Amino acid sequence: MNSAFSRPRNILCFSSQRWDFVMRRPQQLLLRFAEQDTNVYFFEDPLFDAAEEAFLSFGTRSETLWKVVPHIKPGLTPAEVTSCLAELLARFLKHAKLDNWIFWYYTCSALSFSKNYRPKVVIYDCIDESAISASAITKVDPLEKELLKRADLVFKTVSFHCPVRVDWDNVYHHIVHQISKVVPGIN
């Protein structure tokens, strides 16, 4: 490995899926990193069950892998939820050296509360692309457009059932990996 580049030791993964819901590609890839002594934090969508102040709960999945769940009061507006998530993330990353972090996005909506950070590496995995129906695709989400600009590496899943929402030939960077073959056990 080039001595000028040291591998970040921490991955913060933003996902709209629950870690324990079903074992899919995100979990399988992140487990592999965790097995290589990389600290992996799987940041899930919030639960709206906080009685008072918002908080994060942590569930250990291995010695180097944690599920991070934001707990927020119910009844907040979308803007208040975003603000609350930004505050929880700020507390979580308060003493972090971001040059030692990878932010791995499985959902572009997480950029709404994480956009003020500049980790060493940004990965965008468009895993949900194939789940969107053709009628739902009208334009590229502004957050997705911004995430594509920031990403150092992009993975996309090819879907034969719906059109791709992004003109991948004109993406703002040159590293886009297309995952076109289904591998048994990895979705």
C-alpha atoms as a PDB file:
ATOM      1  CA  MET A   1       0.000   0.000   0.000  1.00  0.00           C
ATOM      2  CA  ASN A   2       1.164   3.499  -0.810  1.00  0.00           C
ATOM      3  CA  SER A   3       2.582   5.066   2.348  1.00  0.00           C
ATOM      4  CA  ALA A   4       0.883   8.382   1.445  1.00  0.00           C
ATOM      5  CA  PHE A   5      -2.536   6.747   1.825  1.00  0.00           C
ATOM      6  CA  SER A   6      -3.468   5.082   5.071  1.00  0.00           C
ATOM      7  CA  ARG A   7      -6.687   3.116   5.208  1.00  0.00           C
ATOM      8  CA  PRO A   8      -9.328   4.764   7.377  1.00  0.00           C
ATOM      9  CA  ARG A   9     -10.017   2.720  10.508  1.00  0.00           C
ATOM     10  CA  ASN A  10     -13.694   3.687  10.873  1.00  0.00           C
ATOM     11  CA  ILE A  11     -16.735   3.339   8.635  1.00  0.00           C
ATOM     12  CA  LEU A  12     -19.939   5.184   9.336  1.00  0.00           C
ATOM     13  CA  CYS A  13     -22.653   3.623   7.194  1.00  0.00           C
ATOM     14  CA  PHE A  14     -25.946   5.456   6.676  1.00  0.00           C
ATOM     15  CA  SER A  15     -28.790   3.122   5.788  1.00  0.00           C
ATOM     16  CA  SER A  16     -32.573   3.265   5.545  1.00  0.00           C
ATOM     17  CA  GLN A  17     -32.633  -0.485   6.221  1.00  0.00           C
ATOM     18  CA  ARG A  18     -32.493  -2.051   9.658  1.00  0.00           C
ATOM     19  CA  TRP A  19     -29.386  -4.134  10.335  1.00  0.00           C
ATOM     20  CA  ASP A  20     -31.413  -7.003  11.778  1.00  0.00           C
ATOM     21  CA  PHE A  21     -34.185  -6.984   9.148  1.00  0.00           C
ATOM     22  CA  VAL A  22     -32.542  -9.170   6.485  1.00  0.00           C
ATOM     23  CA  MET A  23     -28.950 -10.046   5.593  1.00  0.00           C
ATOM     24  CA  ARG A  24     -28.226  -8.218   2.344  1.00  0.00           C
ATOM     25  CA  ARG A  25     -25.219  -6.811   0.520  1.00  0.00           C
ATOM     26  CA  PRO A  26     -24.665  -3.915   2.959  1.00  0.00           C
ATOM     27  CA  GLN A  27     -24.385  -6.205   5.961  1.00  0.00           C
ATOM     28  CA  GLN A  28     -22.191  -8.713   4.139  1.00  0.00           C
ATOM     29  CA  LEU A  29     -19.740  -6.078   2.916  1.00  0.00           C
ATOM     30  CA  LEU A  30     -19.588  -4.296   6.258  1.00  0.00           C
ATOM     31  CA  LEU A  31     -19.076  -7.562   8.137  1.00  0.00           C
ATOM     32  CA  ARG A  32     -16.019  -8.184   5.969  1.00  0.00           C
ATOM     33  CA  PHE A  33     -14.580  -4.803   6.908  1.00  0.00           C
ATOM     34  CA  ALA A  34     -15.316  -5.439  10.577  1.00  0.00           C
ATOM     35  CA  GLU A  35     -13.441  -8.759  10.350  1.00  0.00           C
ATOM     36  CA  GLN A  36     -10.392  -6.776   9.160  1.00  0.00           C
ATOM     37  CA  ASP A  37     -10.293  -4.671  12.360  1.00  0.00           C
ATOM     38  CA  THR A  38     -12.176  -1.731  10.922  1.00  0.00           C
ATOM     39  CA  ASN A  39     -14.679  -0.156  13.295  1.00  0.00           C
ATOM     40  CA  VAL A  40     -18.065  -0.169  11.567  1.00  0.00           C
ATOM     41  CA  TYR A  41     -21.007   1.913  12.772  1.00  0.00           C
ATOM     42  CA  PHE A  42     -24.295   1.128  11.016  1.00  0.00           C
ATOM     43  CA  PHE A  43     -26.448   4.263  11.429  1.00  0.00           C
ATOM     44  CA  GLU A  44     -30.110   3.343  10.921  1.00  0.00           C
ATOM     45  CA  ASP A  45     -33.154   5.507  10.268  1.00  0.00           C
ATOM     46  CA  PRO A  46     -34.581   6.936  13.484  1.00  0.00           C
ATOM     47  CA  LEU A  47     -37.185   5.402  15.721  1.00  0.00           C
ATOM     48  CA  PHE A  48     -39.768   7.912  16.896  1.00  0.00           C
ATOM     49  CA  ASP A  49     -40.022   6.657  20.460  1.00  0.00           C
ATOM     50  CA  ALA A  50     -38.065   9.107  22.631  1.00  0.00           C
ATOM     51  CA  ALA A  51     -40.107  10.364  25.561  1.00  0.00           C
ATOM     52  CA  GLU A  52     -38.000  13.482  26.078  1.00  0.00           C
ATOM     53  CA  GLU A  53     -34.572  14.281  24.666  1.00  0.00           C
ATOM     54  CA  ALA A  54     -33.334  12.499  21.530  1.00  0.00           C
ATOM     55  CA  PHE A  55     -30.578   9.929  22.016  1.00  0.00           C
ATOM     56  CA  LEU A  56     -28.562   7.247  20.240  1.00  0.00           C
ATOM     57  CA  SER A  57     -28.632   3.602  21.265  1.00  0.00           C
ATOM     58  CA  PHE A  58     -25.831   1.217  20.346  1.00  0.00           C
ATOM     59  CA  GLY A  59     -26.148  -2.499  19.708  1.00  0.00           C
ATOM     60  CA  THR A  60     -23.011  -4.602  19.465  1.00  0.00           C
ATOM     61  CA  ARG A  61     -22.942  -7.018  16.530  1.00  0.00           C
ATOM     62  CA  SER A  62     -19.254  -7.947  16.874  1.00  0.00           C
ATOM     63  CA  GLU A  63     -16.137  -6.549  18.543  1.00  0.00           C
ATOM     64  CA  THR A  64     -15.804  -3.981  15.766  1.00  0.00           C
ATOM     65  CA  LEU A  65     -19.380  -3.548  14.511  1.00  0.00           C
ATOM     66  CA  TRP A  66     -22.142  -1.511  16.128  1.00  0.00           C
ATOM     67  CA  LYS A  67     -25.715  -0.774  15.143  1.00  0.00           C
ATOM     68  CA  VAL A  68     -26.487   2.892  15.914  1.00  0.00           C
ATOM     69  CA  VAL A  69     -30.149   3.831  16.284  1.00  0.00           C
ATOM     70  CA  PRO A  70     -31.351   7.423  16.733  1.00  0.00           C
ATOM     71  CA  HIS A  71     -34.362   7.755  19.028  1.00  0.00           C
ATOM     72  CA  ILE A  72     -36.400  10.915  18.420  1.00  0.00           C
ATOM     73  CA  LYS A  73     -39.608  12.326  19.851  1.00  0.00           C
ATOM     74  CA  PRO A  74     -42.666  11.634  17.682  1.00  0.00           C
ATOM     75  CA  GLY A  75     -44.550  14.459  15.998  1.00  0.00           C
ATOM     76  CA  LEU A  76     -41.576  16.473  14.701  1.00  0.00           C
ATOM     77  CA  THR A  77     -41.615  18.146  11.300  1.00  0.00           C
ATOM     78  CA  PRO A  78     -39.181  16.854   8.649  1.00  0.00           C
ATOM     79  CA  ALA A  79     -36.958  19.904   9.238  1.00  0.00           C
ATOM     80  CA  GLU A  80     -36.932  19.237  12.994  1.00  0.00           C
ATOM     81  CA  VAL A  81     -36.058  15.576  12.398  1.00  0.00           C
ATOM     82  CA  THR A  82     -33.137  16.619  10.182  1.00  0.00           C
ATOM     83  CA  SER A  83     -31.940  19.101  12.811  1.00  0.00           C
ATOM     84  CA  CYS A  84     -32.234  16.478  15.551  1.00  0.00           C
ATOM     85  CA  LEU A  85     -30.293  13.904  13.508  1.00  0.00           C
ATOM     86  CA  ALA A  86     -27.595  16.509  12.793  1.00  0.00           C
ATOM     87  CA  GLU A  87     -27.244  17.182  16.535  1.00  0.00           C
ATOM     88  CA  LEU A  88     -27.062  13.459  17.369  1.00  0.00           C
ATOM     89  CA  LEU A  89     -24.439  12.931  14.669  1.00  0.00           C
ATOM     90  CA  ALA A  90     -22.454  15.938  15.975  1.00  0.00           C
ATOM     91  CA  ARG A  91     -22.405  14.395  19.456  1.00  0.00           C
ATOM     92  CA  PHE A  92     -21.360  11.030  18.030  1.00  0.00           C
ATOM     93  CA  LEU A  93     -18.502  12.528  15.980  1.00  0.00           C
ATOM     94  CA  LYS A  94     -17.478  15.174  18.527  1.00  0.00           C
ATOM     95  CA  HIS A  95     -13.924  13.863  19.014  1.00  0.00           C
ATOM     96  CA  ALA A  96     -13.528  12.013  15.718  1.00  0.00           C
ATOM     97  CA  LYS A  97     -10.614  12.701  13.402  1.00  0.00           C
ATOM     98  CA  LEU A  98     -12.451  12.585  10.077  1.00  0.00           C
ATOM     99  CA  ASP A  99      -9.294  11.785   8.117  1.00  0.00           C
ATOM    100  CA  ASN A 100      -9.655   8.359   9.706  1.00  0.00           C
ATOM    101  CA  TRP A 101     -13.263   7.827   8.579  1.00  0.00           C
ATOM    102  CA  ILE A 102     -15.222   6.542   5.586  1.00  0.00           C
ATOM    103  CA  PHE A 103     -18.824   7.671   5.205  1.00  0.00           C
ATOM    104  CA  TRP A 104     -20.706   4.965   3.311  1.00  0.00           C
ATOM    105  CA  TYR A 105     -24.165   5.973   2.113  1.00  0.00           C
ATOM    106  CA  TYR A 106     -26.907   3.509   1.220  1.00  0.00           C
ATOM    107  CA  THR A 107     -29.405   6.360   1.322  1.00  0.00           C
ATOM    108  CA  CYS A 108     -28.860   9.836  -0.050  1.00  0.00           C
ATOM    109  CA  SER A 109     -31.329  11.295   2.479  1.00  0.00           C
ATOM    110  CA  ALA A 110     -28.645  10.968   5.184  1.00  0.00           C
ATOM    111  CA  LEU A 111     -26.704  13.724   3.448  1.00  0.00           C
ATOM    112  CA  SER A 112     -29.335  16.163   4.766  1.00  0.00           C
ATOM    113  CA  PHE A 113     -27.861  15.833   8.272  1.00  0.00           C
ATOM    114  CA  SER A 114     -24.256  14.786   7.492  1.00  0.00           C
ATOM    115  CA  LYS A 115     -23.313  17.256   4.750  1.00  0.00           C
ATOM    116  CA  ASN A 116     -21.167  19.432   7.028  1.00  0.00           C
ATOM    117  CA  TYR A 117     -18.576  16.676   7.473  1.00  0.00           C
ATOM    118  CA  ARG A 118     -15.630  15.909   5.206  1.00  0.00           C
ATOM    119  CA  PRO A 119     -14.459  12.342   5.863  1.00  0.00           C
ATOM    120  CA  LYS A 120     -11.414  10.927   4.130  1.00  0.00           C
ATOM    121  CA  VAL A 121     -13.558   8.804   1.781  1.00  0.00           C
ATOM    122  CA  VAL A 122     -17.211   8.987   0.687  1.00  0.00           C
ATOM    123  CA  ILE A 123     -18.866   5.924  -0.846  1.00  0.00           C
ATOM    124  CA  TYR A 124     -22.350   5.914  -2.345  1.00  0.00           C
ATOM    125  CA  ASP A 125     -23.919   2.521  -2.936  1.00  0.00           C
ATOM    126  CA  CYS A 126     -27.133   2.901  -4.941  1.00  0.00           C
ATOM    127  CA  ILE A 127     -28.519  -0.414  -3.761  1.00  0.00           C
ATOM    128  CA  ASP A 128     -32.137   0.786  -3.699  1.00  0.00           C
ATOM    129  CA  GLU A 129     -32.079   1.891  -7.322  1.00  0.00           C
ATOM    130  CA  SER A 130     -33.729  -1.308  -8.530  1.00  0.00           C
ATOM    131  CA  ALA A 131     -36.531  -1.048  -5.973  1.00  0.00           C
ATOM    132  CA  ILE A 132     -37.903   2.178  -7.434  1.00  0.00           C
ATOM    133  CA  SER A 133     -40.762   1.816  -9.870  1.00  0.00           C
ATOM    134  CA  ALA A 134     -40.563   3.452 -13.273  1.00  0.00           C
ATOM    135  CA  SER A 135     -43.520   5.716 -12.439  1.00  0.00           C
ATOM    136  CA  ALA A 136     -41.731   7.060  -9.352  1.00  0.00           C
ATOM    137  CA  ILE A 137     -38.701   8.208 -11.297  1.00  0.00           C
ATOM    138  CA  THR A 138     -39.263  11.776 -12.382  1.00  0.00           C
ATOM    139  CA  LYS A 139     -35.980  13.522 -11.602  1.00  0.00           C
ATOM    140  CA  VAL A 140     -32.778  13.063  -9.680  1.00  0.00           C
ATOM    141  CA  ASP A 141     -33.133  13.977  -6.004  1.00  0.00           C
ATOM    142  CA  PRO A 142     -31.037  17.086  -5.177  1.00  0.00           C
ATOM    143  CA  LEU A 143     -29.422  15.205  -2.268  1.00  0.00           C
ATOM    144  CA  GLU A 144     -28.489  12.359  -4.600  1.00  0.00           C
ATOM    145  CA  LYS A 145     -27.003  14.832  -7.063  1.00  0.00           C
ATOM    146  CA  GLU A 146     -24.917  16.374  -4.256  1.00  0.00           C
ATOM    147  CA  LEU A 147     -23.855  12.950  -2.994  1.00  0.00           C
ATOM    148  CA  LEU A 148     -22.732  11.958  -6.484  1.00  0.00           C
ATOM    149  CA  LYS A 149     -20.556  15.091  -6.573  1.00  0.00           C
ATOM    150  CA  ARG A 150     -18.984  14.269  -3.202  1.00  0.00           C
ATOM    151  CA  ALA A 151     -18.517  10.532  -3.624  1.00  0.00           C
ATOM    152  CA  ASP A 152     -15.052   9.109  -4.170  1.00  0.00           C
ATOM    153  CA  LEU A 153     -16.554   5.770  -5.160  1.00  0.00           C
ATOM    154  CA  VAL A 154     -20.026   4.862  -6.428  1.00  0.00           C
ATOM    155  CA  PHE A 155     -21.577   1.424  -6.723  1.00  0.00           C
ATOM    156  CA  LYS A 156     -24.778   1.022  -8.685  1.00  0.00           C
ATOM    157  CA  THR A 157     -27.066  -1.910  -9.245  1.00  0.00           C
ATOM    158  CA  VAL A 158     -28.318  -2.467 -12.752  1.00  0.00           C
ATOM    159  CA  SER A 159     -32.039  -3.012 -13.019  1.00  0.00           C
ATOM    160  CA  PHE A 160     -33.673  -4.397 -16.097  1.00  0.00           C
ATOM    161  CA  HIS A 161     -37.126  -3.534 -14.701  1.00  0.00           C
ATOM    162  CA  CYS A 162     -36.883   0.226 -14.512  1.00  0.00           C
ATOM    163  CA  PRO A 163     -34.888   2.992 -16.131  1.00  0.00           C
ATOM    164  CA  VAL A 164     -31.809   4.321 -14.371  1.00  0.00           C
ATOM    165  CA  ARG A 165     -32.457   7.733 -12.795  1.00  0.00           C
ATOM    166  CA  VAL A 166     -28.967   9.108 -13.357  1.00  0.00           C
ATOM    167  CA  ASP A 167     -27.042   9.650 -16.584  1.00  0.00           C
ATOM    168  CA  TRP A 168     -24.097   7.585 -15.348  1.00  0.00           C
ATOM    169  CA  ASP A 169     -21.929   8.556 -18.327  1.00  0.00           C
ATOM    170  CA  ASN A 170     -21.959  12.144 -17.087  1.00  0.00           C
ATOM    171  CA  VAL A 171     -21.417  11.569 -13.376  1.00  0.00           C
ATOM    172  CA  TYR A 172     -19.112  14.131 -11.782  1.00  0.00           C
ATOM    173  CA  HIS A 173     -16.269  11.731 -11.050  1.00  0.00           C
ATOM    174  CA  HIS A 174     -14.727   8.787 -12.812  1.00  0.00           C
ATOM    175  CA  ILE A 175     -15.106   5.912 -10.367  1.00  0.00           C
ATOM    176  CA  VAL A 176     -18.469   4.192 -10.841  1.00  0.00           C
ATOM    177  CA  HIS A 177     -18.670   0.440 -10.384  1.00  0.00           C
ATOM    178  CA  GLN A 178     -21.670  -1.321 -11.807  1.00  0.00           C
ATOM    179  CA  ILE A 179     -22.912  -4.409 -10.042  1.00  0.00           C
ATOM    180  CA  SER A 180     -24.819  -6.247 -12.737  1.00  0.00           C
ATOM    181  CA  LYS A 181     -24.666  -9.874 -11.649  1.00  0.00           C
ATOM    182  CA  VAL A 182     -26.619 -11.214  -8.745  1.00  0.00           C
ATOM    183  CA  VAL A 183     -24.365 -13.192  -6.448  1.00  0.00           C
ATOM    184  CA  PRO A 184     -26.141 -15.855  -4.359  1.00  0.00           C
ATOM    185  CA  GLY A 185     -26.494 -14.682  -0.767  1.00  0.00           C
ATOM    186  CA  ILE A 186     -25.662 -11.065  -1.600  1.00  0.00           C
ATOM    187  CA  ASN A 187     -28.448  -8.764  -2.801  1.00  0.00           C
END
